């Protein structure tokens, strides 16, 4: 039911997080507090729920959902959902102020994208760079570079608008 994903993504862009969660949970039997087999089976939606948890500062719940989604991804692989999960996981560690681990994920993710450079994921590289720049900004107290602003602009339009909104709400 792909339409559920799209409705949830539009709700995220509009800042209607409760509605996004409601649409997903009406269609998919994902456990909210203790993600398990259904969270693994519907790992793309579980990743979006983790995104919502991060936005609402429910970090323990987000972490559980990220772990369940990672298990599901091992069972059934989709490159876009892998990429989305990588963005959400890096954002999670940024938000819990584990900047060192967030940066190690950034380094790992850049290598992943270099390996998959012909698969149309270029815009998502920008997502990782923006999160890394925000972490660096925490230390340097400098504004984002023009290049990061360009990445943010690319994320804010089209298919990735929900990711762009998510990243903007991290700071």
Foldseek 3Di string as FASTA:
>chain_A
DCVLVVVLLVCLLVVNNVVNVVSVVVVFVADQQQGDDSLLQPVLSLLSSLLSCVLVVVLVSSVNSLVSSVNSCVVPPDVVSVLSSLLSVLLSCVLVVVLVVSVVSLVVVVVVCVVVVPVPCVLSNLSSVLSNQVSVCVVVVDDDDPVNVVSLVVCCDDPNVSSSSSSVSSD
